[in-house]
Amino acid sequence: AFFVLGLLAAFIVSLFYALNKFVSSA
């Protein structure tokens, strides 16, 4: 659970950052 939660946290934070930059570029 520790490693999976770490993966999910890294995935969500990175995806949120990418979406933010995508909206700004669009």
PDB file of all heavy atoms in Angstrom:
ATOM      1  N   ALA A   1       0.830  -1.212   0.000  1.00  0.00           N
ATOM      2  CA  ALA A   1       0.000   0.000   0.000  1.00  0.00           C
ATOM      3  C   ALA A   1       0.860   1.256   0.000  1.00  0.00           C
ATOM      4  O   ALA A   1       0.518   2.259  -0.644  1.00  0.00           O
ATOM      5  CB  ALA A   1      -0.929  -0.018   1.217  1.00  0.00           C
ATOM      6  N   PHE A   2       1.990   1.206   0.696  1.00  0.00           N
ATOM      7  CA  PHE A   2       2.880   2.371   0.765  1.00  0.00           C
ATOM      8  C   PHE A   2       3.421   2.728  -0.620  1.00  0.00           C
ATOM      9  O   PHE A   2       3.372   3.889  -1.047  1.00  0.00           O
ATOM     10  CB  PHE A   2       4.024   2.077   1.740  1.00  0.00           C
ATOM     11  CG  PHE A   2       5.090   3.126   1.747  1.00  0.00           C
ATOM     12  CD1 PHE A   2       4.887   4.325   2.407  1.00  0.00           C
ATOM     13  CD2 PHE A   2       6.303   2.912   1.086  1.00  0.00           C
ATOM     14  CE1 PHE A   2       5.876   5.303   2.412  1.00  0.00           C
ATOM     15  CE2 PHE A   2       7.284   3.886   1.089  1.00  0.00           C
ATOM     16  CZ  PHE A   2       7.070   5.081   1.753  1.00  0.00           C
ATOM     17  N   PHE A   3       3.930   1.746  -1.335  1.00  0.00           N
ATOM     18  CA  PHE A   3       4.497   2.019  -2.654  1.00  0.00           C
ATOM     19  C   PHE A   3       3.417   2.401  -3.656  1.00  0.00           C
ATOM     20  O   PHE A   3       3.616   3.292  -4.492  1.00  0.00           O
ATOM     21  CB  PHE A   3       5.281   0.807  -3.156  1.00  0.00           C
ATOM     22  CG  PHE A   3       6.694   0.762  -2.651  1.00  0.00           C
ATOM     23  CD1 PHE A   3       7.042  -0.058  -1.583  1.00  0.00           C
ATOM     24  CD2 PHE A   3       7.677   1.541  -3.224  1.00  0.00           C
ATOM     25  CE1 PHE A   3       8.339  -0.099  -1.109  1.00  0.00           C
ATOM     26  CE2 PHE A   3       8.981   1.497  -2.762  1.00  0.00           C
ATOM     27  CZ  PHE A   3       9.311   0.686  -1.704  1.00  0.00           C
ATOM     28  N   VAL A   4       2.270   1.752  -3.597  1.00  0.00           N
ATOM     29  CA  VAL A   4       1.191   2.073  -4.539  1.00  0.00           C
ATOM     30  C   VAL A   4       0.669   3.481  -4.282  1.00  0.00           C
ATOM     31  O   VAL A   4       0.403   4.239  -5.225  1.00  0.00           O
ATOM     32  CB  VAL A   4       0.071   1.028  -4.445  1.00  0.00           C
ATOM     33  CG1 VAL A   4      -1.136   1.456  -5.282  1.00  0.00           C
ATOM     34  CG2 VAL A   4       0.572  -0.328  -4.927  1.00  0.00           C
ATOM     35  N   LEU A   5       0.498   3.855  -3.020  1.00  0.00           N
ATOM     36  CA  LEU A   5       0.068   5.216  -2.715  1.00  0.00           C
ATOM     37  C   LEU A   5       1.106   6.239  -3.168  1.00  0.00           C
ATOM     38  O   LEU A   5       0.761   7.331  -3.643  1.00  0.00           O
ATOM     39  CB  LEU A   5      -0.193   5.353  -1.214  1.00  0.00           C
ATOM     40  CG  LEU A   5      -1.473   4.704  -0.682  1.00  0.00           C
ATOM     41  CD1 LEU A   5      -1.547   4.826   0.828  1.00  0.00           C
ATOM     42  CD2 LEU A   5      -2.700   5.348  -1.325  1.00  0.00           C
ATOM     43  N   GLY A   6       2.380   5.903  -3.019  1.00  0.00           N
ATOM     44  CA  GLY A   6       3.426   6.798  -3.515  1.00  0.00           C
ATOM     45  C   GLY A   6       3.358   6.967  -5.030  1.00  0.00           C
ATOM     46  O   GLY A   6       3.515   8.079  -5.552  1.00  0.00           O
ATOM     47  N   LEU A   7       3.111   5.859  -5.728  1.00  0.00           N
ATOM     48  CA  LEU A   7       2.963   5.928  -7.181  1.00  0.00           C
ATOM     49  C   LEU A   7       1.751   6.769  -7.569  1.00  0.00           C
ATOM     50  O   LEU A   7       1.827   7.599  -8.486  1.00  0.00           O
ATOM     51  CB  LEU A   7       2.843   4.519  -7.757  1.00  0.00           C
ATOM     52  CG  LEU A   7       4.124   3.694  -7.837  1.00  0.00           C
ATOM     53  CD1 LEU A   7       3.811   2.242  -8.153  1.00  0.00           C
ATOM     54  CD2 LEU A   7       5.052   4.269  -8.907  1.00  0.00           C
ATOM     55  N   LEU A   8       0.638   6.553  -6.890  1.00  0.00           N
ATOM     56  CA  LEU A   8      -0.566   7.320  -7.199  1.00  0.00           C
ATOM     57  C   LEU A   8      -0.364   8.806  -6.922  1.00  0.00           C
ATOM     58  O   LEU A   8      -0.824   9.660  -7.692  1.00  0.00           O
ATOM     59  CB  LEU A   8      -1.748   6.792  -6.382  1.00  0.00           C
ATOM     60  CG  LEU A   8      -2.273   5.415  -6.788  1.00  0.00           C
ATOM     61  CD1 LEU A   8      -3.395   4.973  -5.844  1.00  0.00           C
ATOM     62  CD2 LEU A   8      -2.775   5.431  -8.224  1.00  0.00           C
ATOM     63  N   ALA A   9       0.310   9.122  -5.813  1.00  0.00           N
ATOM     64  CA  ALA A   9       0.561  10.527  -5.494  1.00  0.00           C
ATOM     65  C   ALA A   9       1.436  11.184  -6.562  1.00  0.00           C
ATOM     66  O   ALA A   9       1.145  12.292  -7.025  1.00  0.00           O
ATOM     67  CB  ALA A   9       1.221  10.637  -4.124  1.00  0.00           C
ATOM     68  N   ALA A  10       2.512  10.503  -6.977  1.00  0.00           N
ATOM     69  CA  ALA A  10       3.384  11.055  -8.019  1.00  0.00           C
ATOM     70  C   ALA A  10       2.641  11.188  -9.342  1.00  0.00           C
ATOM     71  O   ALA A  10       2.805  12.183 -10.066  1.00  0.00           O
ATOM     72  CB  ALA A  10       4.617  10.165  -8.188  1.00  0.00           C
ATOM     73  N   PHE A  11       1.804  10.203  -9.655  1.00  0.00           N
ATOM     74  CA  PHE A  11       1.038  10.244 -10.906  1.00  0.00           C
ATOM     75  C   PHE A  11       0.046  11.398 -10.908  1.00  0.00           C
ATOM     76  O   PHE A  11      -0.055  12.153 -11.887  1.00  0.00           O
ATOM     77  CB  PHE A  11       0.314   8.909 -11.091  1.00  0.00           C
ATOM     78  CG  PHE A  11      -0.598   8.867 -12.281  1.00  0.00           C
ATOM     79  CD1 PHE A  11      -0.099   8.621 -13.542  1.00  0.00           C
ATOM     80  CD2 PHE A  11      -1.959   9.072 -12.134  1.00  0.00           C
ATOM     81  CE1 PHE A  11      -0.935   8.582 -14.646  1.00  0.00           C
ATOM     82  CE2 PHE A  11      -2.808   9.036 -13.228  1.00  0.00           C
ATOM     83  CZ  PHE A  11      -2.295   8.787 -14.485  1.00  0.00           C
ATOM     84  N   ILE A  12      -0.691  11.569  -9.823  1.00  0.00           N
ATOM     85  CA  ILE A  12      -1.720  12.610  -9.765  1.00  0.00           C
ATOM     86  C   ILE A  12      -1.094  13.999  -9.787  1.00  0.00           C
ATOM     87  O   ILE A  12      -1.564  14.901 -10.500  1.00  0.00           O
ATOM     88  CB  ILE A  12      -2.592  12.416  -8.510  1.00  0.00           C
ATOM     89  CG1 ILE A  12      -3.415  11.124  -8.637  1.00  0.00           C
ATOM     90  CG2 ILE A  12      -3.523  13.610  -8.300  1.00  0.00           C
ATOM     91  CD1 ILE A  12      -4.188  10.763  -7.385  1.00  0.00           C
ATOM     92  N   VAL A  13      -0.026  14.200  -9.015  1.00  0.00           N
ATOM     93  CA  VAL A  13       0.631  15.509  -8.998  1.00  0.00           C
ATOM     94  C   VAL A  13       1.200  15.854 -10.377  1.00  0.00           C
ATOM     95  O   VAL A  13       1.036  16.980 -10.876  1.00  0.00           O
ATOM     96  CB  VAL A  13       1.735  15.531  -7.922  1.00  0.00           C
ATOM     97  CG1 VAL A  13       2.581  16.793  -8.039  1.00  0.00           C
ATOM     98  CG2 VAL A  13       1.125  15.442  -6.533  1.00  0.00           C
ATOM     99  N   SER A  14       1.846  14.901 -11.009  1.00  0.00           N
ATOM    100  CA  SER A  14       2.424  15.152 -12.336  1.00  0.00           C
ATOM    101  C   SER A  14       1.341  15.405 -13.370  1.00  0.00           C
ATOM    102  O   SER A  14       1.473  16.295 -14.219  1.00  0.00           O
ATOM    103  CB  SER A  14       3.292  13.971 -12.757  1.00  0.00           C
ATOM    104  OG  SER A  14       4.330  13.736 -11.828  1.00  0.00           O
ATOM    105  N   LEU A  15       0.257  14.635 -13.299  1.00  0.00           N
ATOM    106  CA  LEU A  15      -0.834  14.817 -14.260  1.00  0.00           C
ATOM    107  C   LEU A  15      -1.515  16.169 -14.050  1.00  0.00           C
ATOM    108  O   LEU A  15      -1.873  16.844 -15.030  1.00  0.00           O
ATOM    109  CB  LEU A  15      -1.842  13.684 -14.114  1.00  0.00           C
ATOM    110  CG  LEU A  15      -3.010  13.694 -15.120  1.00  0.00           C
ATOM    111  CD1 LEU A  15      -2.476  13.580 -16.547  1.00  0.00           C
ATOM    112  CD2 LEU A  15      -3.976  12.555 -14.828  1.00  0.00           C
ATOM    113  N   PHE A  16      -1.698  16.569 -12.815  1.00  0.00           N
ATOM    114  CA  PHE A  16      -2.293  17.884 -12.539  1.00  0.00           C
ATOM    115  C   PHE A  16      -1.405  19.005 -13.078  1.00  0.00           C
ATOM    116  O   PHE A  16      -1.897  19.981 -13.659  1.00  0.00           O
ATOM    117  CB  PHE A  16      -2.509  18.050 -11.033  1.00  0.00           C
ATOM    118  CG  PHE A  16      -3.073  19.388 -10.650  1.00  0.00           C
ATOM    119  CD1 PHE A  16      -4.420  19.656 -10.803  1.00  0.00           C
ATOM    120  CD2 PHE A  16      -2.246  20.381 -10.146  1.00  0.00           C
ATOM    121  CE1 PHE A  16      -4.943  20.899 -10.456  1.00  0.00           C
ATOM    122  CE2 PHE A  16      -2.752  21.631  -9.804  1.00  0.00           C
ATOM    123  CZ  PHE A  16      -4.116  21.884  -9.954  1.00  0.00           C
ATOM    124  N   TYR A  17      -0.104  18.871 -12.909  1.00  0.00           N
ATOM    125  CA  TYR A  17       0.829  19.877 -13.432  1.00  0.00           C
ATOM    126  C   TYR A  17       0.772  19.923 -14.960  1.00  0.00           C
ATOM    127  O   TYR A  17       0.748  21.005 -15.560  1.00  0.00           O
ATOM    128  CB  TYR A  17       2.240  19.547 -12.963  1.00  0.00           C
ATOM    129  CG  TYR A  17       3.292  20.508 -13.460  1.00  0.00           C
ATOM    130  CD1 TYR A  17       3.501  21.718 -12.815  1.00  0.00           C
ATOM    131  CD2 TYR A  17       4.077  20.195 -14.566  1.00  0.00           C
ATOM    132  CE1 TYR A  17       4.473  22.608 -13.267  1.00  0.00           C
ATOM    133  CE2 TYR A  17       5.043  21.075 -15.023  1.00  0.00           C
ATOM    134  CZ  TYR A  17       5.235  22.279 -14.366  1.00  0.00           C
ATOM    135  OH  TYR A  17       6.189  23.152 -14.842  1.00  0.00           O
ATOM    136  N   ALA A  18       0.728  18.748 -15.600  1.00  0.00           N
ATOM    137  CA  ALA A  18       0.659  18.700 -17.059  1.00  0.00           C
ATOM    138  C   ALA A  18      -0.653  19.306 -17.559  1.00  0.00           C
ATOM    139  O   ALA A  18      -0.669  20.040 -18.556  1.00  0.00           O
ATOM    140  CB  ALA A  18       0.805  17.260 -17.545  1.00  0.00           C
ATOM    141  N   LEU A  19      -1.764  19.017 -16.885  1.00  0.00           N
ATOM    142  CA  LEU A  19      -3.050  19.593 -17.277  1.00  0.00           C
ATOM    143  C   LEU A  19      -3.043  21.109 -17.123  1.00  0.00           C
ATOM    144  O   LEU A  19      -3.603  21.832 -17.958  1.00  0.00           O
ATOM    145  CB  LEU A  19      -4.173  18.981 -16.443  1.00  0.00           C
ATOM    146  CG  LEU A  19      -4.570  17.542 -16.791  1.00  0.00           C
ATOM    147  CD1 LEU A  19      -5.576  17.012 -15.778  1.00  0.00           C
ATOM    148  CD2 LEU A  19      -5.140  17.461 -18.198  1.00  0.00           C
ATOM    149  N   ASN A  20      -2.422  21.588 -16.070  1.00  0.00           N
ATOM    150  CA  ASN A  20      -2.340  23.037 -15.857  1.00  0.00           C
ATOM    151  C   ASN A  20      -1.560  23.705 -16.988  1.00  0.00           C
ATOM    152  O   ASN A  20      -1.975  24.740 -17.531  1.00  0.00           O
ATOM    153  CB  ASN A  20      -1.677  23.310 -14.508  1.00  0.00           C
ATOM    154  CG  ASN A  20      -1.635  24.789 -14.177  1.00  0.00           C
ATOM    155  OD1 ASN A  20      -2.520  25.539 -14.581  1.00  0.00           O
ATOM    156  ND2 ASN A  20      -0.624  25.216 -13.456  1.00  0.00           N
ATOM    157  N   LYS A  21      -0.435  23.130 -17.372  1.00  0.00           N
ATOM    158  CA  LYS A  21       0.352  23.681 -18.467  1.00  0.00           C
ATOM    159  C   LYS A  21      -0.377  23.541 -19.799  1.00  0.00           C
ATOM    160  O   LYS A  21      -0.256  24.411 -20.682  1.00  0.00           O
ATOM    161  CB  LYS A  21       1.713  22.991 -18.531  1.00  0.00           C
ATOM    162  CG  LYS A  21       2.605  23.262 -17.326  1.00  0.00           C
ATOM    163  CD  LYS A  21       2.876  24.740 -17.176  1.00  0.00           C
ATOM    164  CE  LYS A  21       3.779  25.014 -15.986  1.00  0.00           C
ATOM    165  NZ  LYS A  21       4.034  26.479 -15.809  1.00  0.00           N
ATOM    166  N   PHE A  22      -1.129  22.461 -19.950  1.00  0.00           N
ATOM    167  CA  PHE A  22      -1.896  22.264 -21.181  1.00  0.00           C
ATOM    168  C   PHE A  22      -2.971  23.337 -21.331  1.00  0.00           C
ATOM    169  O   PHE A  22      -3.140  23.920 -22.409  1.00  0.00           O
ATOM    170  CB  PHE A  22      -2.524  20.872 -21.167  1.00  0.00           C
ATOM    171  CG  PHE A  22      -3.517  20.642 -22.267  1.00  0.00           C
ATOM    172  CD1 PHE A  22      -3.095  20.446 -23.572  1.00  0.00           C
ATOM    173  CD2 PHE A  22      -4.869  20.626 -21.997  1.00  0.00           C
ATOM    174  CE1 PHE A  22      -4.005  20.233 -24.591  1.00  0.00           C
ATOM    175  CE2 PHE A  22      -5.794  20.418 -23.005  1.00  0.00           C
ATOM    176  CZ  PHE A  22      -5.361  20.225 -24.308  1.00  0.00           C
ATOM    177  N   VAL A  23      -3.689  23.613 -20.258  1.00  0.00           N
ATOM    178  CA  VAL A  23      -4.730  24.650 -20.299  1.00  0.00           C
ATOM    179  C   VAL A  23      -4.112  26.016 -20.566  1.00  0.00           C
ATOM    180  O   VAL A  23      -4.637  26.823 -21.344  1.00  0.00           O
ATOM    181  CB  VAL A  23      -5.530  24.646 -18.983  1.00  0.00           C
ATOM    182  CG1 VAL A  23      -6.489  25.827 -18.929  1.00  0.00           C
ATOM    183  CG2 VAL A  23      -6.298  23.343 -18.835  1.00  0.00           C
ATOM    184  N   SER A  24      -2.970  26.294 -19.935  1.00  0.00           N
ATOM    185  CA  SER A  24      -2.293  27.574 -20.153  1.00  0.00           C
ATOM    186  C   SER A  24      -1.835  27.723 -21.603  1.00  0.00           C
ATOM    187  O   SER A  24      -1.997  28.792 -22.215  1.00  0.00           O
ATOM    188  CB  SER A  24      -1.096  27.687 -19.206  1.00  0.00           C
ATOM    189  OG  SER A  24      -0.378  28.877 -19.434  1.00  0.00           O
ATOM    190  N   SER A  25      -1.287  26.658 -22.179  1.00  0.00           N
ATOM    191  CA  SER A  25      -0.845  26.715 -23.577  1.00  0.00           C
ATOM    192  C   SER A  25      -2.021  26.872 -24.523  1.00  0.00           C
ATOM    193  O   SER A  25      -1.958  27.661 -25.478  1.00  0.00           O
ATOM    194  CB  SER A  25      -0.058  25.447 -23.917  1.00  0.00           C
ATOM    195  OG  SER A  25       1.067  25.288 -23.072  1.00  0.00           O
ATOM    196  N   ALA A  26      -3.098  26.145 -24.270  1.00  0.00           N
ATOM    197  CA  ALA A  26      -4.282  26.252 -25.127  1.00  0.00           C
ATOM    198  C   ALA A  26      -4.880  27.654 -25.056  1.00  0.00           C
ATOM    199  O   ALA A  26      -5.327  28.205 -26.069  1.00  0.00           O
ATOM    200  CB  ALA A  26      -5.312  25.205 -24.711  1.00  0.00           C
TER     201      ALA A  26
END
